[in-house]
C-alpha atoms as a PDB file:
ATOM      1  CA  MET A   1       7.287  33.527 -64.643  1.00  0.00           C
ATOM      2  CA  ARG A   2       6.147  34.016 -60.815  1.00  0.00           C
ATOM      3  CA  ILE A   3       2.494  35.269 -59.814  1.00  0.00           C
ATOM      4  CA  SER A   4       2.111  38.175 -57.967  1.00  0.00           C
ATOM      5  CA  PRO A   5       0.371  38.341 -54.675  1.00  0.00           C
ATOM      6  CA  ARG A   6      -1.691  40.910 -55.906  1.00  0.00           C
ATOM      7  CA  SER A   7      -2.706  38.749 -58.806  1.00  0.00           C
ATOM      8  CA  ILE A   8      -3.508  35.922 -56.779  1.00  0.00           C
ATOM      9  CA  LEU A   9      -5.616  38.064 -54.362  1.00  0.00           C
ATOM     10  CA  ASN A  10      -7.633  39.640 -57.271  1.00  0.00           C
ATOM     11  CA  MET A  11      -8.294  36.099 -58.573  1.00  0.00           C
ATOM     12  CA  ALA A  12      -9.527  34.958 -55.254  1.00  0.00           C
ATOM     13  CA  PHE A  13     -11.712  37.955 -55.028  1.00  0.00           C
ATOM     14  CA  ILE A  14     -13.086  37.185 -58.726  1.00  0.00           C
ATOM     15  CA  GLY A  15     -13.387  33.492 -57.887  1.00  0.00           C
ATOM     16  CA  LEU A  16     -15.525  33.801 -54.630  1.00  0.00           C
ATOM     17  CA  SER A  17     -17.667  36.703 -56.544  1.00  0.00           C
ATOM     18  CA  THR A  18     -18.329  34.064 -59.452  1.00  0.00           C
ATOM     19  CA  VAL A  19     -19.075  31.181 -57.166  1.00  0.00           C
ATOM     20  CA  ALA A  20     -21.194  33.107 -54.437  1.00  0.00           C
ATOM     21  CA  THR A  21     -23.382  34.926 -57.473  1.00  0.00           C
ATOM     22  CA  LEU A  22     -24.035  31.298 -59.328  1.00  0.00           C
ATOM     23  CA  ASN A  23     -24.714  30.194 -56.008  1.00  0.00           C
ATOM     24  CA  VAL A  24     -27.423  32.613 -55.378  1.00  0.00           C
ATOM     25  CA  TYR A  25     -28.584  32.565 -59.016  1.00  0.00           C
ATOM     26  CA  GLY A  26     -29.091  28.770 -58.721  1.00  0.00           C
ATOM     27  CA  HIS A  27     -31.132  29.038 -55.520  1.00  0.00           C
ATOM     28  CA  LEU A  28     -33.283  32.147 -56.349  1.00  0.00           C
ATOM     29  CA  VAL A  29     -33.889  31.445 -60.318  1.00  0.00           C
ATOM     30  CA  LEU A  30     -33.443  28.277 -60.858  1.00  0.00           C
ATOM     31  CA  GLN A  31     -34.614  26.792 -57.522  1.00  0.00           C
ATOM     32  CA  GLN A  32     -31.942  23.930 -57.111  1.00  0.00           C
ATOM     33  CA  PRO A  33     -32.067  22.127 -54.088  1.00  0.00           C
ATOM     34  CA  ALA A  34     -28.485  21.793 -54.185  1.00  0.00           C
ATOM     35  CA  ALA A  35     -28.170  25.644 -54.192  1.00  0.00           C
ATOM     36  CA  GLU A  36     -29.968  25.865 -50.496  1.00  0.00           C
ATOM     37  CA  LEU A  37     -26.724  27.134 -48.001  1.00  0.00           C
ATOM     38  CA  PHE A  38     -25.653  24.550 -45.702  1.00  0.00           C
ATOM     39  CA  SER A  39     -27.723  21.472 -47.070  1.00  0.00           C
ATOM     40  CA  HIS A  40     -26.337  18.189 -47.562  1.00  0.00           C
ATOM     41  CA  GLN A  41     -26.439  18.244 -51.020  1.00  0.00           C
ATOM     42  CA  TRP A  42     -24.590  22.076 -51.040  1.00  0.00           C
ATOM     43  CA  TRP A  43     -22.082  20.810 -49.100  1.00  0.00           C
ATOM     44  CA  SER A  44     -20.842  18.418 -51.690  1.00  0.00           C
ATOM     45  CA  THR A  45     -21.186  20.763 -54.842  1.00  0.00           C
ATOM     46  CA  TRP A  46     -20.902  23.990 -53.436  1.00  0.00           C
ATOM     47  CA  ALA A  47     -18.650  24.105 -50.440  1.00  0.00           C
ATOM     48  CA  PRO A  48     -15.527  22.553 -52.460  1.00  0.00           C
ATOM     49  CA  SER A  49     -15.088  25.779 -54.703  1.00  0.00           C
ATOM     50  CA  TYR A  50     -15.970  28.067 -52.045  1.00  0.00           C
ATOM     51  CA  MET A  51     -13.177  26.321 -50.209  1.00  0.00           C
ATOM     52  CA  VAL A  52     -10.359  26.749 -53.194  1.00  0.00           C
ATOM     53  CA  TRP A  53     -11.269  30.189 -53.428  1.00  0.00           C
ATOM     54  CA  PHE A  54     -10.847  31.083 -49.686  1.00  0.00           C
ATOM     55  CA  ILE A  55      -7.330  28.989 -49.916  1.00  0.00           C
ATOM     56  CA  PHE A  56      -6.087  31.550 -52.591  1.00  0.00           C
ATOM     57  CA  LEU A  57      -8.043  34.564 -50.784  1.00  0.00           C
ATOM     58  CA  VAL A  58      -5.464  33.601 -47.642  1.00  0.00           C
ATOM     59  CA  VAL A  59      -2.307  32.902 -49.806  1.00  0.00           C
ATOM     60  CA  GLY A  60      -3.051  36.181 -51.672  1.00  0.00           C
ATOM     61  CA  CYS A  61      -3.811  38.064 -48.045  1.00  0.00           C
ATOM     62  CA  HIS A  62      -0.394  36.484 -46.572  1.00  0.00           C
ATOM     63  CA  GLY A  63       1.718  36.932 -50.066  1.00  0.00           C
ATOM     64  CA  VAL A  64       0.594  41.033 -49.881  1.00  0.00           C
ATOM     65  CA  LEU A  65       0.619  41.526 -46.076  1.00  0.00           C
ATOM     66  CA  ARG A  66       4.019  40.149 -46.235  1.00  0.00           C
ATOM     67  CA  ARG A  67       5.394  42.347 -48.833  1.00  0.00           C
ATOM     68  CA  GLN A  68       4.195  45.321 -47.105  1.00  0.00           C
ATOM     69  CA  SER A  69       5.724  44.594 -43.955  1.00  0.00           C
ATOM     70  CA  ARG A  70       9.016  44.825 -45.580  1.00  0.00           C
END
């Protein structure tokens, strides 16, 4: 079974949106120090999630653009 590049791109947008929403919620509502952007705790807590979803976004964009250029 092969996953289409469009599906990967959709997963990336959903994942990034979810992480960003949780990050904002944690900062504004829960007042978590780890949710403050670019703090030391943010880098260890939130940055890995953003990196993973950004990689999915790059892979999905590459697949979609490669398919369109054919």
